[in-house]
Amino acid sequence: MVWHVEFEADAYRELQRLGADASARIAKFLRTRLATPEDPRRFGQPLRADLHGYWRYRVGDYRVVARIIDDRVLVLVVRVGHRKDVYDFQP
């Protein structure tokens, strides 16, 4: 059973705004590391406090914030951006 990666509409727009190099690097990370049969938690770290339930993944200076939905075998990407401003959102 392979994990699927999906984007919220806002996260997909954020990915497109990053530029060709950064978005290609992030897409490759998602495809090769998360969209596999293994647990996606092995590459990320859980977020705390207000963002409890979300996971973050480091891709260079960029971060991918996602929610892992076990019963659907899904990694739902909710934010993509530079590390300095990716965490300023309300779930």
PDB file of N, CA and C in Angstrom:
ATOM      1  N   MET A   1       0.839  -1.161   0.000  1.00  0.00           N
ATOM      2  CA  MET A   1       0.000   0.000   0.000  1.00  0.00           C
ATOM      3  C   MET A   1       0.899   1.245   0.000  1.00  0.00           C
ATOM      4  N   VAL A   2       0.763   2.080  -1.010  1.00  0.00           N
ATOM      5  CA  VAL A   2       1.596   3.266  -1.189  1.00  0.00           C
ATOM      6  C   VAL A   2       0.870   4.501  -0.664  1.00  0.00           C
ATOM      7  N   TRP A   3       1.581   5.347   0.051  1.00  0.00           N
ATOM      8  CA  TRP A   3       1.019   6.596   0.546  1.00  0.00           C
ATOM      9  C   TRP A   3       0.813   7.544  -0.625  1.00  0.00           C
ATOM     10  N   HIS A   4      -0.293   8.257  -0.611  1.00  0.00           N
ATOM     11  CA  HIS A   4      -0.600   9.243  -1.646  1.00  0.00           C
ATOM     12  C   HIS A   4      -0.345  10.633  -1.083  1.00  0.00           C
ATOM     13  N   VAL A   5       0.120  11.527  -1.934  1.00  0.00           N
ATOM     14  CA  VAL A   5       0.360  12.908  -1.544  1.00  0.00           C
ATOM     15  C   VAL A   5      -0.611  13.783  -2.322  1.00  0.00           C
ATOM     16  N   GLU A   6      -1.373  14.594  -1.585  1.00  0.00           N
ATOM     17  CA  GLU A   6      -2.297  15.541  -2.200  1.00  0.00           C
ATOM     18  C   GLU A   6      -2.041  16.918  -1.616  1.00  0.00           C
ATOM     19  N   PHE A   7      -2.401  17.946  -2.381  1.00  0.00           N
ATOM     20  CA  PHE A   7      -2.213  19.327  -1.964  1.00  0.00           C
ATOM     21  C   PHE A   7      -3.555  19.994  -1.743  1.00  0.00           C
ATOM     22  N   GLU A   8      -3.630  20.829  -0.704  1.00  0.00           N
ATOM     23  CA  GLU A   8      -4.736  21.765  -0.617  1.00  0.00           C
ATOM     24  C   GLU A   8      -4.485  22.817  -1.697  1.00  0.00           C
ATOM     25  N   ALA A   9      -5.530  23.486  -2.130  1.00  0.00           N
ATOM     26  CA  ALA A   9      -5.398  24.458  -3.226  1.00  0.00           C
ATOM     27  C   ALA A   9      -4.380  25.552  -2.905  1.00  0.00           C
ATOM     28  N   ASP A  10      -4.406  26.080  -1.687  1.00  0.00           N
ATOM     29  CA  ASP A  10      -3.464  27.135  -1.308  1.00  0.00           C
ATOM     30  C   ASP A  10      -2.026  26.633  -1.309  1.00  0.00           C
ATOM     31  N   ALA A  11      -1.806  25.423  -0.844  1.00  0.00           N
ATOM     32  CA  ALA A  11      -0.462  24.856  -0.807  1.00  0.00           C
ATOM     33  C   ALA A  11       0.079  24.643  -2.220  1.00  0.00           C
ATOM     34  N   TYR A  12      -0.777  24.237  -3.128  1.00  0.00           N
ATOM     35  CA  TYR A  12      -0.348  24.039  -4.514  1.00  0.00           C
ATOM     36  C   TYR A  12       0.052  25.379  -5.137  1.00  0.00           C
ATOM     37  N   ARG A  13      -0.698  26.443  -4.863  1.00  0.00           N
ATOM     38  CA  ARG A  13      -0.338  27.774  -5.366  1.00  0.00           C
ATOM     39  C   ARG A  13       0.983  28.249  -4.751  1.00  0.00           C
ATOM     40  N   GLU A  14       1.183  27.963  -3.467  1.00  0.00           N
ATOM     41  CA  GLU A  14       2.443  28.334  -2.823  1.00  0.00           C
ATOM     42  C   GLU A  14       3.623  27.625  -3.478  1.00  0.00           C
ATOM     43  N   LEU A  15       3.443  26.356  -3.805  1.00  0.00           N
ATOM     44  CA  LEU A  15       4.506  25.587  -4.457  1.00  0.00           C
ATOM     45  C   LEU A  15       4.840  26.185  -5.817  1.00  0.00           C
ATOM     46  N   GLN A  16       3.840  26.566  -6.581  1.00  0.00           N
ATOM     47  CA  GLN A  16       4.072  27.137  -7.907  1.00  0.00           C
ATOM     48  C   GLN A  16       4.780  28.485  -7.834  1.00  0.00           C
ATOM     49  N   ARG A  17       4.557  29.259  -6.777  1.00  0.00           N
ATOM     50  CA  ARG A  17       5.174  30.579  -6.624  1.00  0.00           C
ATOM     51  C   ARG A  17       6.643  30.521  -6.220  1.00  0.00           C
ATOM     52  N   LEU A  18       7.134  29.367  -5.800  1.00  0.00           N
ATOM     53  CA  LEU A  18       8.502  29.280  -5.286  1.00  0.00           C
ATOM     54  C   LEU A  18       9.568  29.391  -6.366  1.00  0.00           C
ATOM     55  N   GLY A  19       9.256  29.113  -7.585  1.00  0.00           N
ATOM     56  CA  GLY A  19      10.254  29.096  -8.637  1.00  0.00           C
ATOM     57  C   GLY A  19      10.535  27.672  -9.061  1.00  0.00           C
ATOM     58  N   ALA A  20      11.102  27.536 -10.231  1.00  0.00           N
ATOM     59  CA  ALA A  20      11.285  26.218 -10.843  1.00  0.00           C
ATOM     60  C   ALA A  20      12.196  25.295 -10.038  1.00  0.00           C
ATOM     61  N   ASP A  21      13.339  25.820  -9.592  1.00  0.00           N
ATOM     62  CA  ASP A  21      14.295  24.965  -8.868  1.00  0.00           C
ATOM     63  C   ASP A  21      13.735  24.457  -7.547  1.00  0.00           C
ATOM     64  N   ALA A  22      13.198  25.373  -6.752  1.00  0.00           N
ATOM     65  CA  ALA A  22      12.680  24.989  -5.437  1.00  0.00           C
ATOM     66  C   ALA A  22      11.472  24.069  -5.571  1.00  0.00           C
ATOM     67  N   SER A  23      10.557  24.384  -6.471  1.00  0.00           N
ATOM     68  CA  SER A  23       9.368  23.542  -6.604  1.00  0.00           C
ATOM     69  C   SER A  23       9.723  22.159  -7.140  1.00  0.00           C
ATOM     70  N   ALA A  24      10.698  22.071  -8.030  1.00  0.00           N
ATOM     71  CA  ALA A  24      11.125  20.761  -8.535  1.00  0.00           C
ATOM     72  C   ALA A  24      11.778  19.945  -7.428  1.00  0.00           C
ATOM     73  N   ARG A  25      12.566  20.600  -6.596  1.00  0.00           N
ATOM     74  CA  ARG A  25      13.228  19.897  -5.484  1.00  0.00           C
ATOM     75  C   ARG A  25      12.198  19.368  -4.478  1.00  0.00           C
ATOM     76  N   ILE A  26      11.202  20.190  -4.167  1.00  0.00           N
ATOM     77  CA  ILE A  26      10.158  19.774  -3.233  1.00  0.00           C
ATOM     78  C   ILE A  26       9.321  18.653  -3.823  1.00  0.00           C
ATOM     79  N   ALA A  27       8.956  18.766  -5.096  1.00  0.00           N
ATOM     80  CA  ALA A  27       8.172  17.713  -5.759  1.00  0.00           C
ATOM     81  C   ALA A  27       8.940  16.394  -5.775  1.00  0.00           C
ATOM     82  N   LYS A  28      10.237  16.457  -6.025  1.00  0.00           N
ATOM     83  CA  LYS A  28      11.051  15.241  -6.019  1.00  0.00           C
ATOM     84  C   LYS A  28      11.085  14.625  -4.626  1.00  0.00           C
ATOM     85  N   PHE A  29      11.216  15.461  -3.582  1.00  0.00           N
ATOM     86  CA  PHE A  29      11.207  14.966  -2.217  1.00  0.00           C
ATOM     87  C   PHE A  29       9.894  14.250  -1.911  1.00  0.00           C
ATOM     88  N   LEU A  30       8.787  14.876  -2.259  1.00  0.00           N
ATOM     89  CA  LEU A  30       7.477  14.276  -1.988  1.00  0.00           C
ATOM     90  C   LEU A  30       7.308  12.957  -2.726  1.00  0.00           C
ATOM     91  N   ARG A  31       7.770  12.908  -3.961  1.00  0.00           N
ATOM     92  CA  ARG A  31       7.618  11.704  -4.785  1.00  0.00           C
ATOM     93  C   ARG A  31       8.514  10.563  -4.304  1.00  0.00           C
ATOM     94  N   THR A  32       9.764  10.877  -3.950  1.00  0.00           N
ATOM     95  CA  THR A  32      10.714   9.813  -3.612  1.00  0.00           C
ATOM     96  C   THR A  32      10.729   9.426  -2.143  1.00  0.00           C
ATOM     97  N   ARG A  33      10.322  10.347  -1.255  1.00  0.00           N
ATOM     98  CA  ARG A  33      10.385  10.053   0.170  1.00  0.00           C
ATOM     99  C   ARG A  33       9.031   9.746   0.794  1.00  0.00           C
ATOM    100  N   LEU A  34       7.994  10.474   0.385  1.00  0.00           N
ATOM    101  CA  LEU A  34       6.703  10.308   1.057  1.00  0.00           C
ATOM    102  C   LEU A  34       5.750   9.397   0.302  1.00  0.00           C
ATOM    103  N   ALA A  35       5.760   9.426  -1.003  1.00  0.00           N
ATOM    104  CA  ALA A  35       4.844   8.605  -1.798  1.00  0.00           C
ATOM    105  C   ALA A  35       5.442   7.215  -1.990  1.00  0.00           C
ATOM    106  N   THR A  36       5.661   6.530  -0.872  1.00  0.00           N
ATOM    107  CA  THR A  36       6.247   5.195  -0.861  1.00  0.00           C
ATOM    108  C   THR A  36       5.412   4.313   0.063  1.00  0.00           C
ATOM    109  N   PRO A  37       5.694   3.025   0.092  1.00  0.00           N
ATOM    110  CA  PRO A  37       4.940   2.149   1.014  1.00  0.00           C
ATOM    111  C   PRO A  37       5.314   2.335   2.485  1.00  0.00           C
ATOM    112  N   GLU A  38       6.427   2.995   2.767  1.00  0.00           N
ATOM    113  CA  GLU A  38       6.885   3.145   4.146  1.00  0.00           C
ATOM    114  C   GLU A  38       6.208   4.331   4.827  1.00  0.00           C
ATOM    115  N   ASP A  39       6.270   4.351   6.142  1.00  0.00           N
ATOM    116  CA  ASP A  39       5.622   5.388   6.947  1.00  0.00           C
ATOM    117  C   ASP A  39       6.224   6.766   6.663  1.00  0.00           C
ATOM    118  N   PRO A  40       5.412   7.766   6.304  1.00  0.00           N
ATOM    119  CA  PRO A  40       5.943   9.103   6.009  1.00  0.00           C
ATOM    120  C   PRO A  40       6.469   9.837   7.242  1.00  0.00           C
ATOM    121  N   ARG A  41       6.194   9.350   8.415  1.00  0.00           N
ATOM    122  CA  ARG A  41       6.669   9.996   9.640  1.00  0.00           C
ATOM    123  C   ARG A  41       8.177   9.868   9.820  1.00  0.00           C
ATOM    124  N   ARG A  42       8.806   8.948   9.104  1.00  0.00           N
ATOM    125  CA  ARG A  42      10.231   8.712   9.306  1.00  0.00           C
ATOM    126  C   ARG A  42      11.098   9.881   8.848  1.00  0.00           C
ATOM    127  N   PHE A  43      10.592  10.754   7.978  1.00  0.00           N
ATOM    128  CA  PHE A  43      11.369  11.892   7.496  1.00  0.00           C
ATOM    129  C   PHE A  43      10.962  13.216   8.127  1.00  0.00           C
ATOM    130  N   GLY A  44       9.845  13.248   8.827  1.00  0.00           N
ATOM    131  CA  GLY A  44       9.349  14.513   9.349  1.00  0.00           C
ATOM    132  C   GLY A  44       9.410  14.597  10.848  1.00  0.00           C
ATOM    133  N   GLN A  45       8.942  15.735  11.348  1.00  0.00           N
ATOM    134  CA  GLN A  45       8.841  15.935  12.786  1.00  0.00           C
ATOM    135  C   GLN A  45       7.454  16.471  13.087  1.00  0.00           C
ATOM    136  N   PRO A  46       6.867  16.022  14.175  1.00  0.00           N
ATOM    137  CA  PRO A  46       5.539  16.531  14.529  1.00  0.00           C
ATOM    138  C   PRO A  46       5.627  17.965  15.033  1.00  0.00           C
ATOM    139  N   LEU A  47       4.639  18.744  14.707  1.00  0.00           N
ATOM    140  CA  LEU A  47       4.561  20.116  15.211  1.00  0.00           C
ATOM    141  C   LEU A  47       3.804  20.111  16.529  1.00  0.00           C
ATOM    142  N   ARG A  48       4.001  21.151  17.320  1.00  0.00           N
ATOM    143  CA  ARG A  48       3.418  21.210  18.654  1.00  0.00           C
ATOM    144  C   ARG A  48       2.525  22.421  18.812  1.00  0.00           C
ATOM    145  N   ALA A  49       1.959  22.532  19.992  1.00  0.00           N
ATOM    146  CA  ALA A  49       1.118  23.668  20.402  1.00  0.00           C
ATOM    147  C   ALA A  49      -0.072  23.835  19.463  1.00  0.00           C
ATOM    148  N   ASP A  50      -0.236  25.008  18.866  1.00  0.00           N
ATOM    149  CA  ASP A  50      -1.393  25.276  18.009  1.00  0.00           C
ATOM    150  C   ASP A  50      -1.418  24.410  16.760  1.00  0.00           C
ATOM    151  N   LEU A  51      -0.258  23.929  16.337  1.00  0.00           N
ATOM    152  CA  LEU A  51      -0.167  23.131  15.109  1.00  0.00           C
ATOM    153  C   LEU A  51      -0.063  21.632  15.402  1.00  0.00           C
ATOM    154  N   HIS A  52      -0.476  21.232  16.577  1.00  0.00           N
ATOM    155  CA  HIS A  52      -0.481  19.817  16.942  1.00  0.00           C
ATOM    156  C   HIS A  52      -1.303  19.028  15.916  1.00  0.00           C
ATOM    157  N   GLY A  53      -0.783  17.906  15.475  1.00  0.00           N
ATOM    158  CA  GLY A  53      -1.463  17.091  14.477  1.00  0.00           C
ATOM    159  C   GLY A  53      -0.895  17.272  13.079  1.00  0.00           C
ATOM    160  N   TYR A  54      -0.029  18.274  12.919  1.00  0.00           N
ATOM    161  CA  TYR A  54       0.627  18.509  11.635  1.00  0.00           C
ATOM    162  C   TYR A  54       2.072  18.034  11.713  1.00  0.00           C
ATOM    163  N   TRP A  55       2.633  17.745  10.556  1.00  0.00           N
ATOM    164  CA  TRP A  55       4.021  17.313  10.457  1.00  0.00           C
ATOM    165  C   TRP A  55       4.768  18.269   9.562  1.00  0.00           C
ATOM    166  N   ARG A  56       6.061  18.447   9.830  1.00  0.00           N
ATOM    167  CA  ARG A  56       6.880  19.292   8.964  1.00  0.00           C
ATOM    168  C   ARG A  56       7.987  18.458   8.338  1.00  0.00           C
ATOM    169  N   TYR A  57       8.303  18.830   7.112  1.00  0.00           N
ATOM    170  CA  TYR A  57       9.371  18.177   6.366  1.00  0.00           C
ATOM    171  C   TYR A  57      10.329  19.248   5.874  1.00  0.00           C
ATOM    172  N   ARG A  58      11.619  19.039   6.078  1.00  0.00           N
ATOM    173  CA  ARG A  58      12.657  19.979   5.639  1.00  0.00           C
ATOM    174  C   ARG A  58      13.112  19.623   4.243  1.00  0.00           C
ATOM    175  N   VAL A  59      13.123  20.615   3.379  1.00  0.00           N
ATOM    176  CA  VAL A  59      13.670  20.466   2.035  1.00  0.00           C
ATOM    177  C   VAL A  59      14.535  21.700   1.802  1.00  0.00           C
ATOM    178  N   GLY A  60      15.789  21.628   2.201  1.00  0.00           N
ATOM    179  CA  GLY A  60      16.676  22.788   2.122  1.00  0.00           C
ATOM    180  C   GLY A  60      16.174  23.886   3.045  1.00  0.00           C
ATOM    181  N   ASP A  61      16.024  25.099   2.495  1.00  0.00           N
ATOM    182  CA  ASP A  61      15.514  26.234   3.273  1.00  0.00           C
ATOM    183  C   ASP A  61      13.998  26.280   3.282  1.00  0.00           C
ATOM    184  N   TYR A  62      13.364  25.314   2.676  1.00  0.00           N
ATOM    185  CA  TYR A  62      11.905  25.296   2.571  1.00  0.00           C
ATOM    186  C   TYR A  62      11.318  24.235   3.491  1.00  0.00           C
ATOM    187  N   ARG A  63      10.058  24.445   3.852  1.00  0.00           N
ATOM    188  CA  ARG A  63       9.350  23.501   4.708  1.00  0.00           C
ATOM    189  C   ARG A  63       8.026  23.127   4.064  1.00  0.00           C
ATOM    190  N   VAL A  64       7.657  21.876   4.247  1.00  0.00           N
ATOM    191  CA  VAL A  64       6.364  21.366   3.823  1.00  0.00           C
ATOM    192  C   VAL A  64       5.617  21.002   5.100  1.00  0.00           C
ATOM    193  N   VAL A  65       4.448  21.591   5.307  1.00  0.00           N
ATOM    194  CA  VAL A  65       3.617  21.287   6.463  1.00  0.00           C
ATOM    195  C   VAL A  65       2.463  20.435   5.959  1.00  0.00           C
ATOM    196  N   ALA A  66       2.275  19.285   6.594  1.00  0.00           N
ATOM    197  CA  ALA A  66       1.278  18.334   6.108  1.00  0.00           C
ATOM    198  C   ALA A  66       0.536  17.689   7.267  1.00  0.00           C
ATOM    199  N   ARG A  67      -0.598  17.135   6.935  1.00  0.00           N
ATOM    200  CA  ARG A  67      -1.381  16.333   7.878  1.00  0.00           C
ATOM    201  C   ARG A  67      -1.352  14.907   7.344  1.00  0.00           C
ATOM    202  N   ILE A  68      -1.089  13.949   8.210  1.00  0.00           N
ATOM    203  CA  ILE A  68      -1.060  12.536   7.820  1.00  0.00           C
ATOM    204  C   ILE A  68      -2.392  11.915   8.205  1.00  0.00           C
ATOM    205  N   ILE A  69      -3.073  11.356   7.226  1.00  0.00           N
ATOM    206  CA  ILE A  69      -4.382  10.737   7.441  1.00  0.00           C
ATOM    207  C   ILE A  69      -4.209   9.234   7.219  1.00  0.00           C
ATOM    208  N   ASP A  70      -4.075   8.510   8.329  1.00  0.00           N
ATOM    209  CA  ASP A  70      -3.750   7.086   8.266  1.00  0.00           C
ATOM    210  C   ASP A  70      -4.822   6.239   7.593  1.00  0.00           C
ATOM    211  N   ASP A  71      -6.087   6.476   7.909  1.00  0.00           N
ATOM    212  CA  ASP A  71      -7.132   5.598   7.376  1.00  0.00           C
ATOM    213  C   ASP A  71      -7.327   5.759   5.869  1.00  0.00           C
ATOM    214  N   ARG A  72      -6.860   6.868   5.294  1.00  0.00           N
ATOM    215  CA  ARG A  72      -6.930   7.064   3.844  1.00  0.00           C
ATOM    216  C   ARG A  72      -5.575   6.874   3.178  1.00  0.00           C
ATOM    217  N   VAL A  73      -4.530   6.562   3.956  1.00  0.00           N
ATOM    218  CA  VAL A  73      -3.153   6.418   3.477  1.00  0.00           C
ATOM    219  C   VAL A  73      -2.790   7.648   2.648  1.00  0.00           C
ATOM    220  N   LEU A  74      -2.905   8.824   3.296  1.00  0.00           N
ATOM    221  CA  LEU A  74      -2.786  10.097   2.600  1.00  0.00           C
ATOM    222  C   LEU A  74      -1.918  11.072   3.383  1.00  0.00           C
ATOM    223  N   VAL A  75      -1.055  11.771   2.660  1.00  0.00           N
ATOM    224  CA  VAL A  75      -0.311  12.894   3.207  1.00  0.00           C
ATOM    225  C   VAL A  75      -0.891  14.127   2.531  1.00  0.00           C
ATOM    226  N   LEU A  76      -1.579  14.958   3.299  1.00  0.00           N
ATOM    227  CA  LEU A  76      -2.235  16.148   2.768  1.00  0.00           C
ATOM    228  C   LEU A  76      -1.365  17.369   3.060  1.00  0.00           C
ATOM    229  N   VAL A  77      -0.784  17.937   2.018  1.00  0.00           N
ATOM    230  CA  VAL A  77       0.091  19.099   2.158  1.00  0.00           C
ATOM    231  C   VAL A  77      -0.782  20.336   2.319  1.00  0.00           C
ATOM    232  N   VAL A  78      -0.565  21.067   3.428  1.00  0.00           N
ATOM    233  CA  VAL A  78      -1.382  22.245   3.701  1.00  0.00           C
ATOM    234  C   VAL A  78      -0.611  23.553   3.534  1.00  0.00           C
ATOM    235  N   ARG A  79       0.716  23.527   3.636  1.00  0.00           N
ATOM    236  CA  ARG A  79       1.543  24.719   3.440  1.00  0.00           C
ATOM    237  C   ARG A  79       2.873  24.322   2.836  1.00  0.00           C
ATOM    238  N   VAL A  80       3.401  25.193   2.000  1.00  0.00           N
ATOM    239  CA  VAL A  80       4.738  25.049   1.444  1.00  0.00           C
ATOM    240  C   VAL A  80       5.335  26.439   1.407  1.00  0.00           C
ATOM    241  N   GLY A  81       6.549  26.580   1.935  1.00  0.00           N
ATOM    242  CA  GLY A  81       7.152  27.904   1.901  1.00  0.00           C
ATOM    243  C   GLY A  81       8.519  27.937   2.540  1.00  0.00           C
ATOM    244  N   HIS A  82       9.096  29.138   2.548  1.00  0.00           N
ATOM    245  CA  HIS A  82      10.391  29.339   3.170  1.00  0.00           C
ATOM    246  C   HIS A  82      10.254  29.133   4.676  1.00  0.00           C
ATOM    247  N   ARG A  83      11.286  28.671   5.291  1.00  0.00           N
ATOM    248  CA  ARG A  83      11.236  28.302   6.711  1.00  0.00           C
ATOM    249  C   ARG A  83      10.873  29.459   7.620  1.00  0.00           C
ATOM    250  N   LYS A  84      11.145  30.705   7.209  1.00  0.00           N
ATOM    251  CA  LYS A  84      10.864  31.832   8.095  1.00  0.00           C
ATOM    252  C   LYS A  84       9.394  32.194   8.171  1.00  0.00           C
ATOM    253  N   ASP A  85       8.590  31.837   7.172  1.00  0.00           N
ATOM    254  CA  ASP A  85       7.181  32.223   7.256  1.00  0.00           C
ATOM    255  C   ASP A  85       6.178  31.136   6.943  1.00  0.00           C
ATOM    256  N   VAL A  86       6.575  29.907   6.965  1.00  0.00           N
ATOM    257  CA  VAL A  86       5.649  28.832   6.630  1.00  0.00           C
ATOM    258  C   VAL A  86       4.726  28.466   7.805  1.00  0.00           C
ATOM    259  N   TYR A  87       5.123  28.786   9.019  1.00  0.00           N
ATOM    260  CA  TYR A  87       4.368  28.358  10.186  1.00  0.00           C
ATOM    261  C   TYR A  87       3.320  29.361  10.665  1.00  0.00           C
ATOM    262  N   ASP A  88       3.197  30.500  10.007  1.00  0.00           N
ATOM    263  CA  ASP A  88       2.242  31.511  10.466  1.00  0.00           C
ATOM    264  C   ASP A  88       0.882  31.342   9.795  1.00  0.00           C
ATOM    265  N   PHE A  89       0.194  30.315  10.198  1.00  0.00           N
ATOM    266  CA  PHE A  89      -1.173  30.061   9.705  1.00  0.00           C
ATOM    267  C   PHE A  89      -2.003  29.482  10.832  1.00  0.00           C
ATOM    268  N   GLN A  90      -3.286  29.586  10.691  1.00  0.00           N
ATOM    269  CA  GLN A  90      -4.214  29.032  11.675  1.00  0.00           C
ATOM    270  C   GLN A  90      -4.870  27.791  11.074  1.00  0.00           C
ATOM    271  N   PRO A  91      -4.786  26.660  11.750  1.00  0.00           N
ATOM    272  CA  PRO A  91      -5.417  25.432  11.226  1.00  0.00           C
ATOM    273  C   PRO A  91      -6.920  25.533  11.165  1.00  0.00           C
TER     274      PRO A  91
END
